[in-house]
Amino acid sequence: MYGALVRLVVKPGKRSEFLEFARWNARVVRDSEPDTLRHDVWEVEAEPDVVYVYEVYKDEAGFERHIKNEPVQKFGEIMNDLIEGWTMVIPFGHSAVSNLDE
């Protein structure tokens, strides 16, 4: 598997707009990306302007297909309006062990 964890700081007043986009993105991923195993957005109560995006793909090819999909292209267009900054908490890489391993 191939994945990452990203920390995004959402601009003040843009949280609802970001989460609306994230919900649409999750639907597109669910309906059209069979190699995307997880695409989760997490909130942490202690960090009200922060969301964490956890992405897991079957392999790097699945990730490459994901970044060509409409939501990723749209996020590139709107990111500067919604996000103050971001940090790769866990950079993209391959899993060492997973409950999904056979």
Protein backbone atom coordinates (compact mmCIF):
# COMPACT_ATOMS: atom_id res chain seq x y z
CA MET A 1 0.00 0.00 0.00
CA TYR A 2 1.01 3.60 -0.56
CA GLY A 3 -0.16 6.58 1.46
CA ALA A 4 0.40 9.68 3.56
CA LEU A 5 -0.97 11.83 6.35
CA VAL A 6 -1.26 15.58 5.72
CA ARG A 7 -2.05 18.34 8.24
CA LEU A 8 -3.98 21.26 6.72
CA VAL A 9 -4.59 24.60 8.43
CA VAL A 10 -7.90 25.95 7.16
CA LYS A 11 -8.31 29.73 6.86
CA PRO A 12 -10.64 31.34 9.41
CA GLY A 13 -14.25 31.19 8.25
CA LYS A 14 -13.49 28.61 5.53
CA ARG A 15 -13.98 25.38 7.51
CA SER A 16 -17.53 24.71 6.25
CA GLU A 17 -16.51 25.36 2.66
CA PHE A 18 -13.51 23.05 3.02
CA LEU A 19 -15.61 20.27 4.58
CA GLU A 20 -18.22 20.61 1.83
CA PHE A 21 -15.45 20.11 -0.73
CA ALA A 22 -14.05 17.17 1.30
CA ARG A 23 -17.46 15.44 1.34
CA TRP A 24 -17.78 15.77 -2.43
CA ASN A 25 -14.23 14.49 -2.83
CA ALA A 26 -14.99 11.47 -0.63
CA ARG A 27 -18.05 10.60 -2.76
CA VAL A 28 -16.03 10.80 -5.98
CA VAL A 29 -13.28 8.65 -4.47
CA ARG A 30 -15.80 6.07 -3.21
CA ASP A 31 -17.64 5.90 -6.54
CA SER A 32 -14.79 6.02 -9.04
CA GLU A 33 -11.46 5.09 -7.44
CA PRO A 34 -11.33 1.39 -6.54
CA ASP A 35 -7.59 1.62 -5.78
CA THR A 36 -8.12 4.33 -3.16
CA LEU A 37 -8.47 2.32 0.04
CA ARG A 38 -8.82 5.27 2.48
CA HIS A 39 -9.40 8.97 2.01
CA ASP A 40 -10.32 10.28 5.42
CA VAL A 41 -10.53 13.81 6.81
CA TRP A 42 -10.06 13.97 10.58
CA GLU A 43 -10.82 16.82 12.96
CA VAL A 44 -9.08 17.30 16.30
CA GLU A 45 -10.99 19.23 18.96
CA ALA A 46 -7.84 20.89 20.32
CA GLU A 47 -7.01 22.27 16.83
CA PRO A 48 -10.20 23.95 15.57
CA ASP A 49 -8.67 25.29 12.33
CA VAL A 50 -6.83 22.08 11.45
CA VAL A 51 -7.84 18.96 9.55
CA TYR A 52 -5.79 15.87 8.86
CA VAL A 53 -6.14 14.04 5.55
CA TYR A 54 -5.23 10.36 5.62
CA GLU A 55 -4.83 8.80 2.17
CA VAL A 56 -4.09 5.14 1.37
CA TYR A 57 -3.90 3.64 -2.09
CA LYS A 58 -3.45 0.07 -3.29
CA ASP A 59 -0.16 1.16 -4.87
CA GLU A 60 1.56 4.15 -6.46
CA ALA A 61 -0.41 3.64 -9.67
CA GLY A 62 -3.63 4.06 -7.66
CA PHE A 63 -2.28 7.33 -6.29
CA GLU A 64 -1.36 8.49 -9.80
CA ARG A 65 -4.92 7.78 -10.96
CA HIS A 66 -6.29 9.65 -7.93
CA ILE A 67 -4.34 12.86 -8.64
CA LYS A 68 -5.78 12.95 -12.17
CA ASN A 69 -9.36 12.84 -10.87
CA GLU A 70 -11.62 15.92 -10.84
CA PRO A 71 -11.52 16.69 -7.07
CA VAL A 72 -7.72 16.89 -6.99
CA GLN A 73 -7.73 19.23 -9.96
CA LYS A 74 -10.43 21.36 -8.29
CA PHE A 75 -8.51 21.41 -4.98
CA GLY A 76 -5.50 22.81 -6.84
CA GLU A 77 -7.71 25.68 -8.04
CA ILE A 78 -9.33 26.51 -4.68
CA MET A 79 -6.57 25.57 -2.21
CA ASN A 80 -5.21 29.10 -1.80
CA ASP A 81 -8.72 30.34 -0.91
CA LEU A 82 -9.24 27.66 1.76
CA ILE A 83 -5.87 26.69 3.22
CA GLU A 84 -3.34 28.79 5.18
CA GLY A 85 -0.69 26.08 5.16
CA TRP A 86 -0.01 22.39 5.23
CA THR A 87 2.52 19.90 6.56
CA MET A 88 3.29 16.35 5.57
CA VAL A 89 2.99 14.53 8.91
CA ILE A 90 3.76 11.21 7.23
CA PRO A 91 5.21 11.71 3.73
CA PHE A 92 4.02 9.47 0.92
CA GLY A 93 5.52 6.04 1.23
CA HIS A 94 4.82 2.33 1.39
CA SER A 95 3.28 0.61 4.40
CA ALA A 96 5.47 -1.75 6.38
CA VAL A 97 2.64 -3.65 8.07
CA SER A 98 -1.14 -3.39 7.85
CA ASN A 99 -4.24 -5.26 8.91
CA LEU A 100 -5.04 -5.36 5.18
CA ASP A 101 -1.93 -7.40 4.42
CA GLU A 102 -2.64 -10.90 3.18
